Amino acid sequence: MSYSLYLWHWPLIVLVPVLTGGALDNAQKAGILAASFVLATLSKRYVEDRVRFSSLAAKPPLRTFALLALASVLLVAACVIPIKAENDQVAAARVMATAMAGEACFGAAAALEADACPSTHQVLNGLGPAFAKTDETAAWAAGHLKGFDQNSCPAVAASVRRCVLGDPDGATTIALVGDSHALSMLPAFVLGAERKGWRLEFFWKSSCRPVLPKFRSSVPAERSASCLEWKTNVVDYIAAEPDIDLVVTTGATRRYAVEVAEESELGQIAQAFSDTWAVWTNAGKKVMPIRDMPLAQEVPGDCIAYARGAEDPCSLARDIALPHDPLDTAMESGADGIYPVDYLDALCDKVCHFVVGGVITHRDTGHLSATFSASLSPYVEEDITSVLGA
């Protein structure tokens, strides 16, 4: 019966979360196990054994093969239909998120315009966990930036690619440079650049913070040859490009606070950030560093699915979600030409929330969802305009 059990358990594991709209809890897992045994017993006794021991099985007529083919089709359908249903839900959610963009009290506006908005730390129907976990910049760009691929932009130096967005002929040029956390904020910058007619140059490398390699990082990915090359070359390239007016930079710097044990290394990293920004300010650029976003302890989509509709189920104390990191330290230096900003008020008050304005803020533990990023756009635009005029 083991093969029958194997065939039945998978469709149930896929189908139940789709029907209930949430992740499996322990009771449902036990129920699926029991149902799998019952269905496997029944299908073996009344289908498999009857076919196997019938007179039809002794001969290979067309009817036998037809029955086997029908069983195969039913099995495939049981697996495919739930997956298609979930894909349809995600597609509908993407349409809904696009339609609601810019509405009052949607996403970040609910926190940053709090006087005019109710408390909205409960997920809007239709924008649930399944959507949030797929709500990344690439999916957003597929609907907003036709043909854009952040991994295929032209190379301008060794290990350095530059993506040009917004108005390519804009009189003002903004450089956004960072790692995947900068990528997760790209929707906010693209929308602002399009409205203001700015030329937006985007430089990024996954798992590689935008800081000169003046320290030996405890984060393994940062010790790779390509990352070290990117760090040096992207800083030099941006400094040498005369048309760049403002450099906006951010990265997954809270990883340093979590993964680096030595206080001396944290100090070295903070100084390396300051030295990096000095290269750009000495070249006549203004620099706008953005504090890294809060860290979740588990994927918010999973936490919310288990909570089953509870309001604000995944909030964390600020000291847990926002461990002080070297970027924070460097931003507090007060150096000339540096204009620090943060958008933490959009997520955190006394605690840090992972549902704001009906939107799940993160697609995983560290990256903003594209929908929430896009909702930050008016505030990013306002800050850039202010810094450019300073």
Protein backbone atom coordinates (compact mmCIF):
# COMPACT_ATOMS: atom_id res chain seq x y z
CA MET A 1 0.00 0.00 0.00
CA SER A 2 3.01 2.29 0.30
CA TYR A 3 2.83 3.36 -3.35
CA SER A 4 -0.87 4.22 -3.04
CA LEU A 5 -0.09 6.24 0.06
CA TYR A 6 2.68 8.04 -1.81
CA LEU A 7 0.29 8.91 -4.67
CA TRP A 8 -2.44 10.29 -2.39
CA HIS A 9 -0.49 12.38 0.13
CA TRP A 10 0.97 14.92 -2.30
CA PRO A 11 -2.32 16.19 -3.86
CA LEU A 12 -3.71 16.66 -0.35
CA ILE A 13 -0.64 18.55 0.84
CA VAL A 14 -0.98 20.92 -2.14
CA LEU A 15 -4.77 21.24 -2.19
CA VAL A 16 -5.58 21.86 1.49
CA PRO A 17 -3.56 25.12 1.86
CA VAL A 18 -5.16 26.45 -1.34
CA LEU A 19 -8.66 25.70 -0.06
CA THR A 20 -8.05 27.07 3.44
CA GLY A 21 -5.94 30.06 2.40
CA GLY A 22 -3.21 29.32 4.92
CA ALA A 23 -0.27 27.12 5.76
CA LEU A 24 -0.84 23.67 7.21
CA ASP A 25 -1.15 23.49 10.98
CA ASN A 26 -0.46 20.35 13.02
CA ALA A 27 -4.12 19.27 13.08
CA GLN A 28 -4.38 19.54 9.30
CA LYS A 29 -1.15 17.59 8.84
CA ALA A 30 -2.54 14.81 11.03
CA GLY A 31 -5.79 14.93 9.07
CA ILE A 32 -3.95 14.66 5.76
CA LEU A 33 -2.00 11.68 7.05
CA ALA A 34 -5.18 9.93 8.15
CA ALA A 35 -7.03 10.78 4.93
CA SER A 36 -4.08 9.54 2.88
CA PHE A 37 -4.21 6.15 4.64
CA VAL A 38 -7.98 5.88 4.11
CA LEU A 39 -7.82 6.86 0.43
CA ALA A 40 -4.80 4.64 -0.19
CA THR A 41 -6.60 1.66 1.40
CA LEU A 42 -9.77 2.24 -0.61
CA SER A 43 -8.00 2.85 -3.91
CA LYS A 44 -5.79 -0.22 -3.46
CA ARG A 45 -8.72 -2.48 -2.55
CA TYR A 46 -11.33 -1.25 -4.99
CA VAL A 47 -9.20 -0.01 -7.90
CA GLU A 48 -5.65 -1.31 -7.90
CA ASP A 49 -6.34 -4.86 -6.69
CA ARG A 50 -9.46 -5.25 -8.85
CA VAL A 51 -7.52 -4.27 -11.95
CA ARG A 52 -4.44 -6.24 -11.01
CA PHE A 53 -6.26 -9.49 -10.21
CA SER A 54 -9.04 -9.26 -12.77
CA SER A 55 -9.16 -11.27 -15.95
CA LEU A 56 -8.47 -8.03 -17.81
CA ALA A 57 -5.03 -7.85 -16.29
CA ALA A 58 -4.20 -11.32 -17.57
CA LYS A 59 -4.52 -10.04 -21.10
CA PRO A 60 -3.22 -6.83 -22.58
CA PRO A 61 -6.33 -5.56 -24.39
CA LEU A 62 -6.90 -1.92 -25.23
CA ARG A 63 -9.38 -1.59 -22.36
CA THR A 64 -6.70 -2.31 -19.74
CA PHE A 65 -4.41 0.36 -21.11
CA ALA A 66 -7.33 2.79 -21.30
CA LEU A 67 -8.05 2.28 -17.59
CA LEU A 68 -4.41 2.84 -16.71
CA ALA A 69 -4.32 5.97 -18.85
CA LEU A 70 -7.47 7.31 -17.17
CA ALA A 71 -5.97 6.71 -13.73
CA SER A 72 -2.80 8.56 -14.76
CA VAL A 73 -4.80 11.52 -16.07
CA LEU A 74 -6.81 11.74 -12.84
CA LEU A 75 -3.64 11.63 -10.77
CA VAL A 76 -1.97 14.39 -12.80
CA ALA A 77 -5.13 16.51 -12.61
CA ALA A 78 -5.22 16.12 -8.83
CA CYS A 79 -1.71 17.60 -8.68
CA VAL A 80 -2.02 20.28 -11.37
CA ILE A 81 -5.42 21.79 -10.52
CA PRO A 82 -4.41 23.03 -7.02
CA ILE A 83 -1.19 24.51 -8.38
CA LYS A 84 -3.09 26.31 -11.14
CA ALA A 85 -5.59 27.61 -8.58
CA GLU A 86 -2.80 29.10 -6.49
CA ASN A 87 -1.15 30.62 -9.58
CA ASP A 88 -4.47 32.20 -10.53
CA GLN A 89 -4.81 33.64 -7.02
CA VAL A 90 -1.34 35.18 -7.23
CA ALA A 91 -2.06 36.67 -10.67
CA ALA A 92 -5.32 38.18 -9.40
CA ALA A 93 -3.52 39.62 -6.38
CA ARG A 94 -0.92 41.26 -8.62
CA VAL A 95 -3.68 42.95 -10.63
CA MET A 96 -5.34 44.09 -7.39
CA ALA A 97 -2.07 45.49 -5.96
CA THR A 98 -1.42 47.44 -9.16
CA ALA A 99 -4.95 48.84 -9.17
CA MET A 100 -4.72 49.96 -5.53
CA ALA A 101 -1.28 51.60 -5.82
CA GLY A 102 -1.49 55.22 -4.78
CA GLU A 103 -4.78 54.87 -2.95
CA ALA A 104 -5.09 56.59 0.41
CA CYS A 105 -4.06 54.43 3.37
CA PHE A 106 -2.68 51.66 1.15
CA GLY A 107 0.70 50.27 2.16
CA ALA A 108 3.17 52.76 3.63
CA ALA A 109 0.66 55.63 3.51
CA ALA A 110 -1.31 54.00 6.34
CA ALA A 111 1.64 54.54 8.68
CA LEU A 112 3.12 57.75 7.28
CA GLU A 113 -0.28 59.45 7.00
CA ALA A 114 -1.49 57.86 10.22
CA ASP A 115 -3.71 60.74 11.30
CA ALA A 116 -5.94 60.15 8.29
CA CYS A 117 -5.81 56.35 8.28
CA PRO A 118 -7.17 53.63 10.53
CA SER A 119 -4.92 50.98 12.01
CA THR A 120 -4.45 48.55 9.15
CA HIS A 121 -2.22 45.73 10.33
CA GLN A 122 -4.50 43.08 8.88
CA VAL A 123 -3.94 41.72 5.37
CA LEU A 124 -6.40 42.86 2.72
CA ASN A 125 -8.43 40.03 1.24
CA GLY A 126 -6.73 38.98 -1.98
CA LEU A 127 -3.20 40.07 -0.98
CA GLY A 128 -2.42 37.09 1.21
CA PRO A 129 0.69 35.06 2.00
CA ALA A 130 0.87 33.16 -1.30
CA PHE A 131 1.09 36.47 -3.17
CA ALA A 132 3.50 38.08 -0.71
CA LYS A 133 6.07 35.31 -1.05
CA THR A 134 6.18 35.85 -4.84
CA ASP A 135 5.93 39.66 -4.65
CA GLU A 136 9.49 40.42 -5.72
CA THR A 137 10.94 43.16 -7.90
CA ALA A 138 11.33 40.91 -10.96
CA ALA A 139 7.62 40.04 -10.90
CA TRP A 140 6.68 43.71 -10.45
CA ALA A 141 9.02 44.75 -13.27
CA ALA A 142 7.47 42.17 -15.61
CA GLY A 143 4.25 44.15 -15.46
CA HIS A 144 5.72 47.64 -15.24
CA LEU A 145 9.03 47.58 -17.11
CA LYS A 146 8.58 45.52 -20.24
CA GLY A 147 11.72 43.65 -21.18
CA PHE A 148 13.66 44.68 -18.06
CA ASP A 149 16.03 42.11 -16.56
CA GLN A 150 18.22 43.31 -13.72
CA ASN A 151 20.75 40.58 -14.49
CA SER A 152 21.22 41.49 -18.15
CA CYS A 153 21.98 45.21 -18.05
CA PRO A 154 25.12 46.36 -19.95
CA ALA A 155 28.49 45.97 -18.25
CA VAL A 156 30.33 49.24 -17.62
CA ALA A 157 33.31 47.84 -15.68
CA ALA A 158 34.56 44.47 -14.51
CA SER A 159 31.76 42.81 -12.46
CA VAL A 160 29.66 46.01 -12.72
CA ARG A 161 26.40 46.29 -14.67
CA ARG A 162 24.37 49.47 -15.02
CA CYS A 163 20.60 49.52 -15.61
CA VAL A 164 19.18 52.82 -16.89
CA LEU A 165 15.56 53.50 -15.92
CA GLY A 166 13.24 56.46 -15.57
CA ASP A 167 13.94 59.08 -18.26
CA PRO A 168 17.22 58.14 -20.00
CA ASP A 169 17.54 61.76 -21.17
CA GLY A 170 16.63 63.32 -17.82
CA ALA A 171 18.56 66.39 -16.72
CA THR A 172 19.05 64.96 -13.23
CA THR A 173 20.77 61.63 -12.69
CA ILE A 174 20.25 59.49 -9.58
CA ALA A 175 22.43 56.44 -8.91
CA LEU A 176 20.92 53.69 -6.75
CA VAL A 177 23.64 51.28 -5.63
CA GLY A 178 23.46 48.26 -3.36
CA ASP A 179 22.68 44.59 -3.02
CA SER A 180 19.37 42.70 -3.14
CA HIS A 181 17.92 45.07 -0.53
CA ALA A 182 18.47 47.92 -2.98
CA LEU A 183 16.82 45.76 -5.64
CA SER A 184 13.80 45.29 -3.37
CA MET A 185 13.46 49.09 -3.13
CA LEU A 186 13.74 49.60 -6.89
CA PRO A 187 9.96 49.99 -7.50
CA ALA A 188 9.89 53.04 -5.21
CA PHE A 189 12.72 54.68 -7.15
CA VAL A 190 11.46 53.79 -10.62
CA LEU A 191 8.02 55.27 -9.97
CA GLY A 192 9.52 58.47 -8.56
CA ALA A 193 11.99 58.81 -11.44
CA GLU A 194 9.19 58.38 -13.96
CA ARG A 195 7.07 61.06 -12.32
CA LYS A 196 9.93 63.54 -11.97
CA GLY A 197 11.72 62.83 -15.25
CA TRP A 198 14.93 61.73 -13.53
CA ARG A 199 17.48 59.42 -15.11
CA LEU A 200 17.90 56.49 -12.72
CA GLU A 201 21.07 54.40 -12.91
CA PHE A 202 20.85 51.18 -10.94
CA PHE A 203 23.94 49.23 -9.82
CA TRP A 204 23.54 46.07 -7.79
CA LYS A 205 25.14 42.77 -6.88
CA SER A 206 23.46 40.07 -4.87
CA SER A 207 24.81 39.46 -1.33
CA CYS A 208 27.42 42.19 -1.80
CA ARG A 209 27.15 45.34 0.31
CA PRO A 210 28.09 48.67 -1.38
CA VAL A 211 31.16 49.42 0.71
CA LEU A 212 34.89 49.45 -0.05
CA PRO A 213 36.53 46.14 0.97
CA LYS A 214 38.70 47.61 3.72
CA PHE A 215 37.88 44.76 6.10
CA ARG A 216 37.68 40.97 5.96
CA SER A 217 33.97 40.30 6.09
CA SER A 218 32.58 37.55 8.28
CA VAL A 219 29.79 37.15 5.69
CA PRO A 220 31.10 34.43 3.31
CA ALA A 221 29.50 35.75 0.11
CA GLU A 222 31.31 39.07 0.56
CA ARG A 223 34.68 37.37 0.40
CA SER A 224 34.21 36.12 -3.16
CA ALA A 225 36.52 37.54 -5.81
CA SER A 226 33.62 38.90 -7.89
CA CYS A 227 32.11 40.70 -4.88
CA LEU A 228 35.41 42.26 -3.89
CA GLU A 229 35.96 43.38 -7.49
CA TRP A 230 32.43 44.83 -7.70
CA LYS A 231 32.85 46.79 -4.47
CA THR A 232 35.96 48.56 -5.68
CA ASN A 233 34.90 49.07 -9.29
CA VAL A 234 31.36 50.31 -8.65
CA VAL A 235 32.62 52.94 -6.18
CA ASP A 236 35.24 54.15 -8.66
CA TYR A 237 32.85 54.10 -11.64
CA ILE A 238 30.19 56.17 -9.87
CA ALA A 239 32.80 58.66 -8.64
CA ALA A 240 34.15 59.10 -12.17
CA GLU A 241 30.78 59.53 -13.91
CA PRO A 242 30.27 63.32 -14.15
CA ASP A 243 26.52 63.29 -14.76
CA ILE A 244 25.55 61.62 -11.48
CA ASP A 245 24.09 64.21 -9.11
CA LEU A 246 23.04 62.02 -6.21
CA VAL A 247 24.11 58.58 -5.01
CA VAL A 248 21.48 56.67 -3.03
CA THR A 249 22.84 53.59 -1.31
CA THR A 250 21.47 50.84 0.91
CA GLY A 251 22.09 47.18 1.65
CA ALA A 252 21.46 44.20 3.91
CA THR A 253 23.57 45.68 6.67
CA ARG A 254 21.57 44.24 9.58
CA ARG A 255 23.23 40.95 8.62
CA TYR A 256 26.45 42.40 10.00
CA ALA A 257 24.80 43.00 13.38
CA VAL A 258 23.51 39.41 13.42
CA GLU A 259 26.45 37.54 11.88
CA VAL A 260 29.51 39.53 13.00
CA ALA A 261 30.58 38.84 16.56
CA GLU A 262 33.66 41.05 16.85
CA GLU A 263 33.02 44.65 17.88
CA SER A 264 36.29 45.66 16.22
CA GLU A 265 35.07 44.38 12.84
CA LEU A 266 31.80 46.27 13.20
CA GLY A 267 33.82 49.44 13.75
CA GLN A 268 35.93 48.72 10.68
CA ILE A 269 32.82 48.22 8.57
CA ALA A 270 31.30 51.50 9.77
CA GLN A 271 34.53 53.32 8.88
CA ALA A 272 34.58 51.62 5.47
CA PHE A 273 31.08 52.97 4.77
CA SER A 274 32.23 56.48 5.71
CA ASP A 275 35.30 56.12 3.48
CA THR A 276 33.14 54.89 0.58
CA TRP A 277 30.81 57.87 0.82
CA ALA A 278 33.81 60.21 1.05
CA VAL A 279 35.00 58.98 -2.36
CA TRP A 280 31.69 60.09 -3.84
CA THR A 281 31.40 63.40 -1.99
CA ASN A 282 34.99 64.27 -2.93
CA ALA A 283 33.91 63.71 -6.55
CA GLY A 284 31.13 66.29 -6.13
CA LYS A 285 28.22 63.90 -5.52
CA LYS A 286 25.63 64.14 -2.80
CA VAL A 287 25.11 60.87 -0.95
CA MET A 288 21.82 59.66 0.53
CA PRO A 289 22.28 56.45 2.55
CA ILE A 290 19.10 54.61 3.56
CA ARG A 291 18.92 52.57 6.75
CA ASP A 292 18.31 48.89 6.24
CA MET A 293 14.76 47.66 6.81
CA PRO A 294 13.62 45.54 9.78
CA LEU A 295 14.48 41.86 9.95
CA ALA A 296 11.69 39.36 10.53
CA GLN A 297 12.36 36.24 12.57
CA GLU A 298 10.31 34.10 10.21
CA VAL A 299 8.90 34.69 6.74
CA PRO A 300 5.92 37.02 7.38
CA GLY A 301 3.78 35.18 4.85
CA ASP A 302 4.18 31.95 6.81
CA CYS A 303 3.61 33.66 10.15
CA ILE A 304 0.45 35.34 8.84
CA ALA A 305 -0.85 32.11 7.28
CA TYR A 306 -0.52 30.28 10.59
CA ALA A 307 -2.23 33.16 12.41
CA ARG A 308 -5.35 32.77 10.21
CA GLY A 309 -6.65 36.31 10.01
CA ALA A 310 -5.41 37.67 13.33
CA GLU A 311 -4.50 41.35 13.27
CA ASP A 312 -0.79 42.17 13.44
CA PRO A 313 0.32 38.62 14.30
CA CYS A 314 4.00 38.93 13.44
CA SER A 315 5.12 42.22 15.03
CA LEU A 316 8.50 42.33 16.78
CA ALA A 317 10.12 44.54 19.37
CA ARG A 318 12.32 47.20 17.74
CA ASP A 319 15.53 45.95 19.36
CA ILE A 320 14.94 42.53 17.78
CA ALA A 321 13.88 43.70 14.32
CA LEU A 322 16.37 46.58 14.17
CA PRO A 323 19.71 45.51 15.63
CA HIS A 324 22.11 48.45 15.44
CA ASP A 325 24.49 47.87 12.51
CA PRO A 326 27.58 49.55 10.99
CA LEU A 327 25.51 51.49 8.45
CA ASP A 328 23.57 53.03 11.34
CA THR A 329 26.87 54.04 12.95
CA ALA A 330 28.24 55.59 9.75
CA MET A 331 24.99 57.50 9.17
CA GLU A 332 25.36 59.11 12.58
CA SER A 333 28.76 60.65 11.76
CA GLY A 334 27.35 63.94 10.44
CA ALA A 335 29.86 64.18 7.58
CA ASP A 336 29.43 66.92 4.98
CA GLY A 337 27.56 65.93 1.82
CA ILE A 338 25.84 62.96 3.50
CA TYR A 339 22.05 63.10 3.80
CA PRO A 340 20.85 60.05 5.80
CA VAL A 341 17.23 58.97 5.50
CA ASP A 342 15.18 56.06 6.72
CA TYR A 343 11.70 54.74 6.15
CA LEU A 344 11.42 52.87 9.41
CA ASP A 345 8.42 54.96 10.47
CA ALA A 346 6.52 53.23 7.67
CA LEU A 347 6.95 49.90 9.48
CA CYS A 348 7.77 50.60 13.10
CA ASP A 349 6.30 52.54 16.01
CA LYS A 350 6.70 50.98 19.44
CA VAL A 351 7.10 47.68 17.59
CA CYS A 352 7.89 46.75 13.99
CA HIS A 353 4.95 45.55 11.91
CA PHE A 354 5.01 43.25 8.92
CA VAL A 355 1.52 44.13 7.72
CA VAL A 356 1.00 47.83 7.00
CA GLY A 357 -1.91 49.37 5.13
CA GLY A 358 -3.26 45.91 4.35
CA VAL A 359 0.01 44.91 2.62
CA ILE A 360 2.52 42.30 3.79
CA THR A 361 5.71 44.36 3.95
CA HIS A 362 8.28 41.61 3.31
CA ARG A 363 8.41 38.70 0.87
CA ASP A 364 10.91 36.89 3.12
CA THR A 365 12.72 37.72 6.35
CA GLY A 366 14.74 40.64 4.97
CA HIS A 367 13.45 41.87 1.59
CA LEU A 368 10.58 44.29 1.09
CA SER A 369 7.71 43.09 -1.02
CA ALA A 370 7.47 44.95 -4.34
CA THR A 371 3.98 46.17 -3.48
CA PHE A 372 5.11 47.75 -0.22
CA SER A 373 8.21 49.18 -1.89
CA ALA A 374 6.06 50.84 -4.55
CA SER A 375 3.89 52.37 -1.82
CA LEU A 376 7.00 54.12 -0.44
CA SER A 377 7.54 55.93 -3.74
CA PRO A 378 6.01 59.34 -2.86
CA TYR A 379 8.16 59.55 0.27
CA VAL A 380 11.35 58.50 -1.52
CA GLU A 381 10.58 61.08 -4.22
CA GLU A 382 10.08 63.78 -1.57
CA ASP A 383 13.40 62.96 0.13
CA ILE A 384 15.35 62.94 -3.13
CA THR A 385 13.84 66.27 -4.15
CA SER A 386 14.80 67.74 -0.79
CA VAL A 387 18.40 66.48 -0.97
CA LEU A 388 18.85 67.67 -4.53
CA GLY A 389 17.74 71.13 -3.46
CA ALA A 390 19.95 71.25 -0.37
